[in-house]
Amino acid sequence: MEKRRYSVEFVRSRAAALAFFLVALSACDREADRPNVAAAPPAPVQTGVASYYAPELAGKTTASGEPHDPNALTAASRSLPLGATAKVTNAESGQSVTVEVNDRGPYAKNRILDVSPKAAEHLGFKDEGVAKVAVQPLPER
């Protein structure tokens, strides 16, 4: 068997290459640990029928613990979290309003949202009692 002899320069260049490779590899690992800073996609729009709170519910405690205020721009939703804000748009008239979710409901199966009487006025359906709406959750501030 023949022994190979390597020069000092060859060994140093191999060590340098190995060191470079390890540094590059560790940088790749750090890249994977970084959080994704891309903007989150917008929340999906819900469409369906909305109604508004009956006058006798004024002052009753909502799921958030605050009393229902007919003059506030609030809503009840089964799917949006308490404290969330959403833009509600009347599908027929195009009128819209921003509401804060402070209650759970509606309890009627064919409805997706109950809004305060004031919000129903802004949306233009207080006389009809119900309207087809689009609900767009808004990002947190």
Protein backbone atom coordinates (compact mmCIF):
# COMPACT_ATOMS: atom_id res chain seq x y z
CA MET A 1 0.00 0.00 0.00
CA GLU A 2 1.11 3.41 -0.85
CA LYS A 3 0.88 6.23 1.68
CA ARG A 4 -0.33 9.55 0.45
CA ARG A 5 1.29 12.66 1.67
CA TYR A 6 -0.64 15.90 1.62
CA SER A 7 0.92 19.27 1.70
CA VAL A 8 0.04 21.68 4.50
CA GLU A 9 -1.61 24.04 1.96
CA PHE A 10 -3.85 21.24 0.68
CA VAL A 11 -4.96 20.33 4.20
CA ARG A 12 -5.62 24.01 5.04
CA SER A 13 -7.66 24.52 1.86
CA ARG A 14 -9.76 21.43 2.65
CA ALA A 15 -10.30 22.67 6.21
CA ALA A 16 -11.28 26.11 4.91
CA ALA A 17 -13.74 24.55 2.46
CA LEU A 18 -15.25 22.42 5.21
CA ALA A 19 -15.53 25.46 7.51
CA PHE A 20 -17.21 27.47 4.74
CA PHE A 21 -19.64 24.63 4.09
CA LEU A 22 -20.56 24.38 7.79
CA VAL A 23 -21.11 28.13 8.08
CA ALA A 24 -23.32 28.12 4.98
CA LEU A 25 -25.25 25.17 6.31
CA SER A 26 -25.84 26.82 9.68
CA ALA A 27 -27.09 29.97 7.93
CA CYS A 28 -29.69 27.87 6.14
CA ASP A 29 -30.85 26.54 9.50
CA ARG A 30 -31.24 30.08 10.88
CA GLU A 31 -33.28 31.06 7.84
CA ALA A 32 -35.82 28.35 8.68
CA ASP A 33 -36.14 29.67 12.25
CA ARG A 34 -37.19 33.15 11.16
CA PRO A 35 -40.91 33.89 11.50
CA ASN A 36 -42.82 34.45 8.31
CA VAL A 37 -43.21 38.23 8.07
CA ALA A 38 -45.49 38.14 5.05
CA ALA A 39 -48.86 39.77 5.61
CA ALA A 40 -51.63 37.44 6.63
CA PRO A 41 -54.30 36.93 4.00
CA PRO A 42 -57.50 38.85 4.60
CA ALA A 43 -60.19 37.02 6.53
CA PRO A 44 -62.92 35.52 4.38
CA VAL A 45 -66.11 37.46 3.80
CA GLN A 46 -69.28 35.88 5.16
CA THR A 47 -72.54 36.46 3.34
CA GLY A 48 -76.03 35.84 4.61
CA VAL A 49 -78.97 37.45 6.32
CA ALA A 50 -78.65 39.92 9.19
CA SER A 51 -81.31 41.14 11.58
CA TYR A 52 -81.24 43.61 14.44
CA TYR A 53 -81.82 43.47 18.19
CA ALA A 54 -85.37 43.88 19.44
CA PRO A 55 -85.99 47.06 21.49
CA GLU A 56 -86.69 45.04 24.67
CA LEU A 57 -83.06 43.86 24.71
CA ALA A 58 -81.77 47.36 25.51
CA GLY A 59 -79.72 47.24 28.69
CA LYS A 60 -79.53 43.43 28.80
CA THR A 61 -76.07 42.01 29.43
CA THR A 62 -74.21 40.87 26.30
CA ALA A 63 -71.70 38.00 26.12
CA SER A 64 -68.89 40.53 26.62
CA GLY A 65 -70.43 41.60 29.93
CA GLU A 66 -71.48 45.08 28.83
CA PRO A 67 -75.12 46.13 28.56
CA HIS A 68 -76.63 46.24 25.07
CA ASP A 69 -76.72 49.84 23.83
CA PRO A 70 -79.16 50.32 20.92
CA ASN A 71 -77.25 53.46 19.88
CA ALA A 72 -73.82 51.78 19.67
CA LEU A 73 -72.48 50.19 16.51
CA THR A 74 -72.29 46.62 17.79
CA ALA A 75 -73.17 43.12 16.62
CA ALA A 76 -73.66 39.54 17.71
CA SER A 77 -71.86 36.79 15.79
CA ARG A 78 -71.50 33.05 16.27
CA SER A 79 -68.15 32.87 14.47
CA LEU A 80 -66.28 36.15 14.99
CA PRO A 81 -64.42 36.59 18.30
CA LEU A 82 -65.70 38.99 20.93
CA GLY A 83 -63.98 42.36 20.51
CA ALA A 84 -63.43 41.88 16.77
CA THR A 85 -64.47 44.59 14.35
CA ALA A 86 -66.09 43.95 11.01
CA LYS A 87 -67.33 45.93 8.05
CA VAL A 88 -70.94 45.01 7.32
CA THR A 89 -72.31 45.89 3.89
CA ASN A 90 -75.95 45.73 2.80
CA ALA A 91 -75.82 43.64 -0.39
CA GLU A 92 -78.75 45.46 -2.00
CA SER A 93 -78.04 49.10 -1.14
CA GLY A 94 -74.26 49.03 -0.76
CA GLN A 95 -74.49 50.92 2.55
CA SER A 96 -71.90 49.82 5.07
CA VAL A 97 -70.94 50.30 8.71
CA THR A 98 -68.14 49.11 10.97
CA VAL A 99 -69.34 47.24 14.06
CA GLU A 100 -67.71 45.71 17.11
CA VAL A 101 -68.70 42.15 18.04
CA ASN A 102 -69.76 42.16 21.69
CA ASP A 103 -72.33 39.36 21.81
CA ARG A 104 -73.08 35.84 20.64
CA GLY A 105 -75.91 35.00 18.28
CA PRO A 106 -78.03 35.31 16.30
CA TYR A 107 -80.09 32.35 17.42
CA ALA A 108 -82.22 32.18 14.26
CA LYS A 109 -80.63 29.45 12.08
CA ASN A 110 -80.87 31.33 8.80
CA ARG A 111 -79.04 34.45 10.04
CA ILE A 112 -75.33 35.21 10.35
CA LEU A 113 -75.41 38.48 12.30
CA ASP A 114 -77.55 40.53 14.67
CA VAL A 115 -76.71 44.23 14.70
CA SER A 116 -77.75 47.05 17.00
CA PRO A 117 -80.69 49.20 15.87
CA LYS A 118 -78.26 52.07 15.14
CA ALA A 119 -76.19 49.81 12.86
CA ALA A 120 -79.42 48.67 11.13
CA GLU A 121 -80.22 52.36 10.47
CA HIS A 122 -76.76 52.88 8.91
CA LEU A 123 -77.30 49.79 6.77
CA GLY A 124 -80.76 50.94 5.70
CA PHE A 125 -82.78 47.92 6.79
CA LYS A 126 -84.38 49.01 10.06
CA ASP A 127 -87.85 49.18 8.48
CA GLU A 128 -87.53 45.76 6.81
CA GLY A 129 -85.99 44.06 9.86
CA VAL A 130 -83.61 41.86 7.87
CA ALA A 131 -81.21 42.28 4.96
CA LYS A 132 -78.72 40.24 2.98
CA VAL A 133 -75.24 41.39 4.05
CA ALA A 134 -71.54 40.75 3.55
CA VAL A 135 -69.43 40.68 6.70
CA GLN A 136 -65.69 41.41 6.32
CA PRO A 137 -63.64 40.95 9.50
CA LEU A 138 -61.13 43.78 9.90
CA PRO A 139 -57.54 43.35 11.13
CA GLU A 140 -56.74 44.11 14.76
CA ARG A 141 -55.39 47.56 15.47
